[in-house]
Amino acid sequence: MLNEERKRKIVEITNERQSVTIAELMEMLGASQSTIRRDLYELNSSRMLKKVHGGAVSLKNGIQTVDESVLQRKDQNIESKRMIARYAASLIKATDVVYLDAGTTTAEMLPHLKNTGATYVTNCITHASFLASCGHKVYMPGGALKEKTDALIGSETLKYIENMNFTIGFFGTNGISMQEGFTTPDPEEGRVKRTAFFHCQEAYILSDQSKFNIVCTYTFAPINKGFIVTDSNAPQKYRELHNTIIADLLDIQ
């Protein structure tokens, strides 16, 4: 089977079933695991489907309702994440009170956060532990731990954040669309993001190219609020937004 025909069939199967595993595609198409994995990466990059751990899910007329774990996401588009995170970290000043959202891209900021004297608030246990080990001043809200994303959520988390005022904040997102804005699958985690976002004087959404044209269950902020930090691989219509920053075109010290 020719390469393009195989990829066309993968998209058709995924859209028909809504989700499919690599093993199922290997059996149906008579292709090796490495071939199917390569095809899924290429189709994910071209926004024909969404590659997830062990397979793919359809993007056709769908809303993503399931969150991938940190372990599933941490190595995806890693070079883009690191470059975006490096720029984001350069924005922090010694006088800032910083909100740092849970997420794999915000995690990439951590090695670049020098001991500036800034104060950090985060709902992510691993972020907080790293910051404290480096000598930063860091605070955490109470709440319930969501193991899949390592985030604290719930009424105690919201109450703490509602009483805070941040000079700057950095957020992950599962989806960005022109119509639905910045979205995430879990409404509870989304409410924490939304509350913190609107308590920041400046809010930055850190996103590699895989998050664009994706819609998840809960919108935590509209597309025209805050700043999007991405790279040159993002779709053109998003790169042209007035609040988009293309990190790889900047001279980051």
C-alpha atoms as a PDB file:
ATOM      1  CA  MET A   1       0.000   0.000   0.000  1.00  0.00           C
ATOM      2  CA  LEU A   2       1.322   3.417  -0.957  1.00  0.00           C
ATOM      3  CA  ASN A   3       2.208   5.879   1.801  1.00  0.00           C
ATOM      4  CA  GLU A   4      -0.500   8.468   1.007  1.00  0.00           C
ATOM      5  CA  GLU A   5      -3.187   5.822   0.556  1.00  0.00           C
ATOM      6  CA  ARG A   6      -2.312   4.273   3.913  1.00  0.00           C
ATOM      7  CA  LYS A   7      -2.494   7.638   5.685  1.00  0.00           C
ATOM      8  CA  ARG A   8      -5.836   8.391   3.997  1.00  0.00           C
ATOM      9  CA  LYS A   9      -7.195   5.090   5.288  1.00  0.00           C
ATOM     10  CA  ILE A  10      -5.882   5.808   8.793  1.00  0.00           C
ATOM     11  CA  VAL A  11      -7.813   9.089   8.838  1.00  0.00           C
ATOM     12  CA  GLU A  12     -10.968   7.388   7.521  1.00  0.00           C
ATOM     13  CA  ILE A  13     -10.771   4.625  10.132  1.00  0.00           C
ATOM     14  CA  THR A  14     -10.106   7.085  12.954  1.00  0.00           C
ATOM     15  CA  ASN A  15     -13.001   9.353  11.951  1.00  0.00           C
ATOM     16  CA  GLU A  16     -15.364   6.404  11.626  1.00  0.00           C
ATOM     17  CA  ARG A  17     -14.456   4.889  14.984  1.00  0.00           C
ATOM     18  CA  GLN A  18     -13.650   8.183  16.798  1.00  0.00           C
ATOM     19  CA  SER A  19     -10.577   6.451  18.277  1.00  0.00           C
ATOM     20  CA  VAL A  20      -8.240   3.649  17.205  1.00  0.00           C
ATOM     21  CA  THR A  21      -5.168   1.894  18.597  1.00  0.00           C
ATOM     22  CA  ILE A  22      -1.849   1.336  16.867  1.00  0.00           C
ATOM     23  CA  ALA A  23      -2.376  -2.434  17.163  1.00  0.00           C
ATOM     24  CA  GLU A  24      -5.747  -2.185  15.386  1.00  0.00           C
ATOM     25  CA  LEU A  25      -4.252  -0.129  12.557  1.00  0.00           C
ATOM     26  CA  MET A  26      -1.367  -2.587  12.182  1.00  0.00           C
ATOM     27  CA  GLU A  27      -3.832  -5.448  11.791  1.00  0.00           C
ATOM     28  CA  MET A  28      -6.216  -3.628   9.425  1.00  0.00           C
ATOM     29  CA  LEU A  29      -3.527  -2.151   7.187  1.00  0.00           C
ATOM     30  CA  GLY A  30      -0.858  -4.829   7.362  1.00  0.00           C
ATOM     31  CA  ALA A  31       1.790  -2.298   8.364  1.00  0.00           C
ATOM     32  CA  SER A  32       4.538  -2.383  10.975  1.00  0.00           C
ATOM     33  CA  GLN A  33       4.346  -0.586  14.306  1.00  0.00           C
ATOM     34  CA  SER A  34       7.087   1.861  13.305  1.00  0.00           C
ATOM     35  CA  THR A  35       5.268   2.718  10.053  1.00  0.00           C
ATOM     36  CA  ILE A  36       1.961   3.357  11.822  1.00  0.00           C
ATOM     37  CA  ARG A  37       3.668   5.467  14.503  1.00  0.00           C
ATOM     38  CA  ARG A  38       5.404   7.571  11.842  1.00  0.00           C
ATOM     39  CA  ASP A  39       2.124   8.045   9.958  1.00  0.00           C
ATOM     40  CA  LEU A  40       0.328   9.119  13.134  1.00  0.00           C
ATOM     41  CA  TYR A  41       3.006  11.698  13.944  1.00  0.00           C
ATOM     42  CA  GLU A  42       2.735  13.142  10.424  1.00  0.00           C
ATOM     43  CA  LEU A  43      -1.080  13.178  10.508  1.00  0.00           C
ATOM     44  CA  ASN A  44      -1.027  14.802  13.952  1.00  0.00           C
ATOM     45  CA  SER A  45       1.303  17.539  12.657  1.00  0.00           C
ATOM     46  CA  SER A  46      -0.988  18.225   9.696  1.00  0.00           C
ATOM     47  CA  ARG A  47      -4.061  18.349  12.007  1.00  0.00           C
ATOM     48  CA  MET A  48      -5.772  15.364  10.358  1.00  0.00           C
ATOM     49  CA  LEU A  49      -6.141  13.558  13.691  1.00  0.00           C
ATOM     50  CA  LYS A  50      -4.893  13.756  17.274  1.00  0.00           C
ATOM     51  CA  LYS A  51      -2.139  11.317  18.227  1.00  0.00           C
ATOM     52  CA  VAL A  52      -2.511  10.015  21.777  1.00  0.00           C
ATOM     53  CA  HIS A  53      -0.659   7.392  23.783  1.00  0.00           C
ATOM     54  CA  GLY A  54      -1.076   4.070  21.965  1.00  0.00           C
ATOM     55  CA  GLY A  55      -3.189   5.342  19.070  1.00  0.00           C
ATOM     56  CA  ALA A  56      -5.203   8.268  17.744  1.00  0.00           C
ATOM     57  CA  VAL A  57      -8.525  10.071  18.164  1.00  0.00           C
ATOM     58  CA  SER A  58     -10.626  11.862  15.579  1.00  0.00           C
ATOM     59  CA  LEU A  59     -10.755  15.640  15.274  1.00  0.00           C
ATOM     60  CA  LYS A  60     -13.797  15.576  13.007  1.00  0.00           C
ATOM     61  CA  ASN A  61     -16.767  17.400  14.553  1.00  0.00           C
ATOM     62  CA  GLY A  62     -15.585  16.439  17.991  1.00  0.00           C
ATOM     63  CA  ILE A  63     -14.912  17.963  21.374  1.00  0.00           C
ATOM     64  CA  GLN A  64     -12.100  16.444  23.392  1.00  0.00           C
ATOM     65  CA  THR A  65     -13.378  15.346  26.770  1.00  0.00           C
ATOM     66  CA  VAL A  66     -10.478  13.210  28.007  1.00  0.00           C
ATOM     67  CA  ASP A  67      -7.225  14.528  29.474  1.00  0.00           C
ATOM     68  CA  GLU A  68      -3.915  12.835  28.700  1.00  0.00           C
ATOM     69  CA  SER A  69      -1.586  12.282  31.634  1.00  0.00           C
ATOM     70  CA  VAL A  70       1.607  14.248  32.211  1.00  0.00           C
ATOM     71  CA  LEU A  71       3.625  11.128  31.337  1.00  0.00           C
ATOM     72  CA  GLN A  72       1.821  10.831  28.001  1.00  0.00           C
ATOM     73  CA  ARG A  73       2.380  14.494  27.103  1.00  0.00           C
ATOM     74  CA  LYS A  74       5.761  15.411  28.539  1.00  0.00           C
ATOM     75  CA  ASP A  75       7.886  14.412  25.513  1.00  0.00           C
ATOM     76  CA  GLN A  76       5.475  15.536  22.777  1.00  0.00           C
ATOM     77  CA  ASN A  77       6.834  18.475  20.719  1.00  0.00           C
ATOM     78  CA  ILE A  78       9.532  18.829  23.344  1.00  0.00           C
ATOM     79  CA  GLU A  79      11.842  21.184  21.420  1.00  0.00           C
ATOM     80  CA  SER A  80       8.996  23.635  20.775  1.00  0.00           C
ATOM     81  CA  LYS A  81       7.952  23.472  24.422  1.00  0.00           C
ATOM     82  CA  ARG A  82      11.473  24.198  25.613  1.00  0.00           C
ATOM     83  CA  MET A  83      11.917  27.184  23.325  1.00  0.00           C
ATOM     84  CA  ILE A  84       8.493  28.638  24.260  1.00  0.00           C
ATOM     85  CA  ALA A  85       9.176  28.060  27.964  1.00  0.00           C
ATOM     86  CA  ARG A  86      12.595  29.695  27.760  1.00  0.00           C
ATOM     87  CA  TYR A  87      11.042  32.862  26.372  1.00  0.00           C
ATOM     88  CA  ALA A  88       8.290  32.818  29.011  1.00  0.00           C
ATOM     89  CA  ALA A  89      10.820  32.491  31.819  1.00  0.00           C
ATOM     90  CA  SER A  90      12.700  35.538  30.525  1.00  0.00           C
ATOM     91  CA  LEU A  91       9.638  37.706  31.237  1.00  0.00           C
ATOM     92  CA  ILE A  92       9.769  37.270  35.016  1.00  0.00           C
ATOM     93  CA  LYS A  93      11.206  40.105  37.139  1.00  0.00           C
ATOM     94  CA  ALA A  94      12.381  40.072  40.742  1.00  0.00           C
ATOM     95  CA  THR A  95       9.327  42.072  41.860  1.00  0.00           C
ATOM     96  CA  ASP A  96       6.757  39.722  40.273  1.00  0.00           C
ATOM     97  CA  VAL A  97       4.143  37.614  41.997  1.00  0.00           C
ATOM     98  CA  VAL A  98       3.900  34.749  39.501  1.00  0.00           C
ATOM     99  CA  TYR A  99       1.113  32.223  38.954  1.00  0.00           C
ATOM    100  CA  LEU A 100       2.479  29.038  37.399  1.00  0.00           C
ATOM    101  CA  ASP A 101      -0.157  26.669  36.063  1.00  0.00           C
ATOM    102  CA  ALA A 102       0.265  22.895  36.033  1.00  0.00           C
ATOM    103  CA  GLY A 103       1.343  21.493  32.673  1.00  0.00           C
ATOM    104  CA  THR A 104       4.204  20.063  30.647  1.00  0.00           C
ATOM    105  CA  THR A 105       5.118  23.338  28.923  1.00  0.00           C
ATOM    106  CA  THR A 106       5.112  25.379  32.133  1.00  0.00           C
ATOM    107  CA  ALA A 107       7.294  22.609  33.587  1.00  0.00           C
ATOM    108  CA  GLU A 108       9.903  23.410  30.935  1.00  0.00           C
ATOM    109  CA  MET A 109      10.156  26.931  32.397  1.00  0.00           C
ATOM    110  CA  LEU A 110      11.502  25.642  35.698  1.00  0.00           C
ATOM    111  CA  PRO A 111      15.199  25.178  34.772  1.00  0.00           C
ATOM    112  CA  HIS A 112      15.239  28.740  33.377  1.00  0.00           C
ATOM    113  CA  LEU A 113      13.860  30.442  36.493  1.00  0.00           C
ATOM    114  CA  LYS A 114      16.816  32.049  38.176  1.00  0.00           C
ATOM    115  CA  ASN A 115      16.763  33.094  41.835  1.00  0.00           C
ATOM    116  CA  THR A 116      15.303  36.500  40.973  1.00  0.00           C
ATOM    117  CA  GLY A 117      13.442  37.133  44.209  1.00  0.00           C
ATOM    118  CA  ALA A 118      10.085  36.621  42.520  1.00  0.00           C
ATOM    119  CA  THR A 119       7.275  34.983  44.485  1.00  0.00           C
ATOM    120  CA  TYR A 120       5.603  31.942  42.918  1.00  0.00           C
ATOM    121  CA  VAL A 121       2.161  30.455  43.415  1.00  0.00           C
ATOM    122  CA  THR A 122       1.380  27.159  41.699  1.00  0.00           C
ATOM    123  CA  ASN A 123      -1.286  24.463  41.863  1.00  0.00           C
ATOM    124  CA  CYS A 124       1.230  21.832  40.705  1.00  0.00           C
ATOM    125  CA  ILE A 125       3.003  19.781  43.375  1.00  0.00           C
ATOM    126  CA  THR A 126       6.035  18.896  41.252  1.00  0.00           C
ATOM    127  CA  HIS A 127       6.450  22.534  40.130  1.00  0.00           C
ATOM    128  CA  ALA A 128       6.359  23.663  43.762  1.00  0.00           C
ATOM    129  CA  SER A 129       8.865  21.037  44.882  1.00  0.00           C
ATOM    130  CA  PHE A 130      11.332  22.015  42.145  1.00  0.00           C
ATOM    131  CA  LEU A 131      10.986  25.738  42.888  1.00  0.00           C
ATOM    132  CA  ALA A 132      11.496  25.216  46.607  1.00  0.00           C
ATOM    133  CA  SER A 133      14.577  23.046  46.001  1.00  0.00           C
ATOM    134  CA  CYS A 134      16.103  25.914  43.992  1.00  0.00           C
ATOM    135  CA  GLY A 135      15.556  28.430  46.779  1.00  0.00           C
ATOM    136  CA  HIS A 136      12.529  30.229  45.329  1.00  0.00           C
ATOM    137  CA  LYS A 137       9.716  31.551  47.493  1.00  0.00           C
ATOM    138  CA  VAL A 138       6.735  29.395  46.559  1.00  0.00           C
ATOM    139  CA  TYR A 139       3.170  28.973  47.845  1.00  0.00           C
ATOM    140  CA  MET A 140       0.501  26.395  47.115  1.00  0.00           C
ATOM    141  CA  PRO A 141      -3.266  26.403  47.606  1.00  0.00           C
ATOM    142  CA  GLY A 142      -5.096  23.581  49.310  1.00  0.00           C
ATOM    143  CA  GLY A 143      -7.394  21.275  47.388  1.00  0.00           C
ATOM    144  CA  ALA A 144      -7.766  17.827  45.903  1.00  0.00           C
ATOM    145  CA  LEU A 145      -4.943  16.340  43.820  1.00  0.00           C
ATOM    146  CA  LYS A 146      -5.747  15.347  40.246  1.00  0.00           C
ATOM    147  CA  GLU A 147      -3.118  12.672  39.667  1.00  0.00           C
ATOM    148  CA  LYS A 148      -3.306  12.648  35.861  1.00  0.00           C
ATOM    149  CA  THR A 149      -2.156  16.269  35.557  1.00  0.00           C
ATOM    150  CA  ASP A 150      -0.508  16.679  38.986  1.00  0.00           C
ATOM    151  CA  ALA A 151      -2.817  19.656  39.627  1.00  0.00           C
ATOM    152  CA  LEU A 152      -4.659  20.759  42.756  1.00  0.00           C
ATOM    153  CA  ILE A 153      -8.339  21.469  42.073  1.00  0.00           C
ATOM    154  CA  GLY A 154     -11.598  22.034  43.913  1.00  0.00           C
ATOM    155  CA  SER A 155     -13.236  24.642  46.138  1.00  0.00           C
ATOM    156  CA  GLU A 156     -10.228  25.132  48.451  1.00  0.00           C
ATOM    157  CA  THR A 157      -7.970  25.778  45.460  1.00  0.00           C
ATOM    158  CA  LEU A 158     -10.428  28.294  44.016  1.00  0.00           C
ATOM    159  CA  LYS A 159     -10.894  30.099  47.349  1.00  0.00           C
ATOM    160  CA  TYR A 160      -7.140  30.570  47.747  1.00  0.00           C
ATOM    161  CA  ILE A 161      -6.617  31.874  44.211  1.00  0.00           C
ATOM    162  CA  GLU A 162      -9.629  34.202  44.405  1.00  0.00           C
ATOM    163  CA  ASN A 163      -7.861  36.080  47.206  1.00  0.00           C
ATOM    164  CA  MET A 164      -4.619  36.501  45.251  1.00  0.00           C
ATOM    165  CA  ASN A 165      -3.488  39.145  42.765  1.00  0.00           C
ATOM    166  CA  PHE A 166      -0.700  38.145  40.390  1.00  0.00           C
ATOM    167  CA  THR A 167       1.486  40.473  38.348  1.00  0.00           C
ATOM    168  CA  ILE A 168       2.076  37.759  35.740  1.00  0.00           C
ATOM    169  CA  GLY A 169       0.852  34.216  35.042  1.00  0.00           C
ATOM    170  CA  PHE A 170       1.712  31.347  32.716  1.00  0.00           C
ATOM    171  CA  PHE A 171      -0.836  28.753  31.617  1.00  0.00           C
ATOM    172  CA  GLY A 172      -0.999  25.530  29.684  1.00  0.00           C
ATOM    173  CA  THR A 173      -3.943  24.693  27.454  1.00  0.00           C
ATOM    174  CA  ASN A 174      -5.293  21.573  25.754  1.00  0.00           C
ATOM    175  CA  GLY A 175      -6.950  23.430  22.909  1.00  0.00           C
ATOM    176  CA  ILE A 176      -7.055  26.799  21.155  1.00  0.00           C
ATOM    177  CA  SER A 177      -9.718  27.810  18.646  1.00  0.00           C
ATOM    178  CA  MET A 178     -10.893  31.124  17.231  1.00  0.00           C
ATOM    179  CA  GLN A 179     -14.471  30.499  18.344  1.00  0.00           C
ATOM    180  CA  GLU A 180     -14.072  28.738  21.701  1.00  0.00           C
ATOM    181  CA  GLY A 181     -10.807  30.277  22.887  1.00  0.00           C
ATOM    182  CA  PHE A 182      -8.551  28.425  25.339  1.00  0.00           C
ATOM    183  CA  THR A 183     -10.037  25.118  26.452  1.00  0.00           C
ATOM    184  CA  THR A 184      -9.352  22.124  28.682  1.00  0.00           C
ATOM    185  CA  PRO A 185     -11.198  18.786  29.095  1.00  0.00           C
ATOM    186  CA  ASP A 186     -11.845  18.903  32.870  1.00  0.00           C
ATOM    187  CA  PRO A 187     -14.270  21.624  34.040  1.00  0.00           C
ATOM    188  CA  GLU A 188     -12.875  21.502  37.600  1.00  0.00           C
ATOM    189  CA  GLU A 189      -9.333  22.132  36.423  1.00  0.00           C
ATOM    190  CA  GLY A 190     -10.702  24.660  33.932  1.00  0.00           C
ATOM    191  CA  ARG A 191     -12.307  26.708  36.721  1.00  0.00           C
ATOM    192  CA  VAL A 192      -8.953  26.907  38.501  1.00  0.00           C
ATOM    193  CA  LYS A 193      -7.272  28.065  35.294  1.00  0.00           C
ATOM    194  CA  ARG A 194     -10.021  30.621  34.641  1.00  0.00           C
ATOM    195  CA  THR A 195      -9.891  32.076  38.157  1.00  0.00           C
ATOM    196  CA  ALA A 196      -6.099  32.407  38.117  1.00  0.00           C
ATOM    197  CA  PHE A 197      -6.086  33.771  34.545  1.00  0.00           C
ATOM    198  CA  PHE A 198      -8.379  36.667  35.421  1.00  0.00           C
ATOM    199  CA  HIS A 199      -6.417  37.454  38.593  1.00  0.00           C
ATOM    200  CA  CYS A 200      -3.250  38.145  36.559  1.00  0.00           C
ATOM    201  CA  GLN A 201      -2.257  41.603  35.353  1.00  0.00           C
ATOM    202  CA  GLU A 202      -0.538  39.814  32.451  1.00  0.00           C
ATOM    203  CA  ALA A 203      -1.498  36.282  31.414  1.00  0.00           C
ATOM    204  CA  TYR A 204       0.433  34.134  28.938  1.00  0.00           C
ATOM    205  CA  ILE A 205      -0.805  30.948  27.260  1.00  0.00           C
ATOM    206  CA  LEU A 206       2.107  28.670  26.323  1.00  0.00           C
ATOM    207  CA  SER A 207       1.258  26.460  23.363  1.00  0.00           C
ATOM    208  CA  ASP A 208       3.062  24.396  20.757  1.00  0.00           C
ATOM    209  CA  GLN A 209       1.475  23.805  17.348  1.00  0.00           C
ATOM    210  CA  SER A 210      -0.450  20.671  18.400  1.00  0.00           C
ATOM    211  CA  LYS A 211      -3.007  22.632  20.470  1.00  0.00           C
ATOM    212  CA  PHE A 212      -4.393  24.854  17.697  1.00  0.00           C
ATOM    213  CA  ASN A 213      -7.795  24.149  16.116  1.00  0.00           C
ATOM    214  CA  ILE A 214      -8.608  21.871  19.064  1.00  0.00           C
ATOM    215  CA  VAL A 215     -11.733  22.339  21.184  1.00  0.00           C
ATOM    216  CA  CYS A 216     -12.132  20.752  24.624  1.00  0.00           C
ATOM    217  CA  THR A 217     -15.029  20.724  27.064  1.00  0.00           C
ATOM    218  CA  TYR A 218     -14.386  23.874  29.104  1.00  0.00           C
ATOM    219  CA  THR A 219     -13.371  27.364  27.943  1.00  0.00           C
ATOM    220  CA  PHE A 220     -11.277  29.126  30.579  1.00  0.00           C
ATOM    221  CA  ALA A 221     -10.548  32.301  28.572  1.00  0.00           C
ATOM    222  CA  PRO A 222     -11.477  33.809  25.185  1.00  0.00           C
ATOM    223  CA  ILE A 223      -8.962  33.973  22.334  1.00  0.00           C
ATOM    224  CA  ASN A 224      -8.509  37.761  22.598  1.00  0.00           C
ATOM    225  CA  LYS A 225      -7.480  37.764  26.282  1.00  0.00           C
ATOM    226  CA  GLY A 226      -3.900  37.450  27.445  1.00  0.00           C
ATOM    227  CA  PHE A 227      -0.979  36.582  25.181  1.00  0.00           C
ATOM    228  CA  ILE A 228      -0.309  33.398  23.204  1.00  0.00           C
ATOM    229  CA  VAL A 229       3.333  32.319  23.216  1.00  0.00           C
ATOM    230  CA  THR A 230       4.008  29.841  20.408  1.00  0.00           C
ATOM    231  CA  ASP A 231       6.447  29.295  17.541  1.00  0.00           C
ATOM    232  CA  SER A 232       6.579  29.538  13.756  1.00  0.00           C
ATOM    233  CA  ASN A 233       4.892  26.134  13.362  1.00  0.00           C
ATOM    234  CA  ALA A 234       1.553  27.516  14.596  1.00  0.00           C
ATOM    235  CA  PRO A 235      -1.161  27.984  11.934  1.00  0.00           C
ATOM    236  CA  GLN A 236      -0.894  31.323  10.148  1.00  0.00           C
ATOM    237  CA  LYS A 237      -4.257  32.697  11.252  1.00  0.00           C
ATOM    238  CA  TYR A 238      -3.182  32.360  14.890  1.00  0.00           C
ATOM    239  CA  ARG A 239       0.285  33.780  14.259  1.00  0.00           C
ATOM    240  CA  GLU A 240      -1.388  36.894  12.863  1.00  0.00           C
ATOM    241  CA  LEU A 241      -3.440  37.607  15.993  1.00  0.00           C
ATOM    242  CA  HIS A 242      -2.498  40.854  17.741  1.00  0.00           C
ATOM    243  CA  ASN A 243      -1.840  39.013  21.027  1.00  0.00           C
ATOM    244  CA  THR A 244       0.393  36.245  19.621  1.00  0.00           C
ATOM    245  CA  ILE A 245       4.126  36.167  20.373  1.00  0.00           C
ATOM    246  CA  ILE A 246       6.315  33.997  18.109  1.00  0.00           C
ATOM    247  CA  ALA A 247       9.098  32.995  20.477  1.00  0.00           C
ATOM    248  CA  ASP A 248      11.556  31.570  17.954  1.00  0.00           C
ATOM    249  CA  LEU A 249      11.671  34.895  16.067  1.00  0.00           C
ATOM    250  CA  LEU A 250      12.871  36.735  19.173  1.00  0.00           C
ATOM    251  CA  ASP A 251      16.360  37.158  20.574  1.00  0.00           C
ATOM    252  CA  ILE A 252      16.029  35.453  23.938  1.00  0.00           C
ATOM    253  CA  GLN A 253      18.880  36.228  26.309  1.00  0.00           C
END
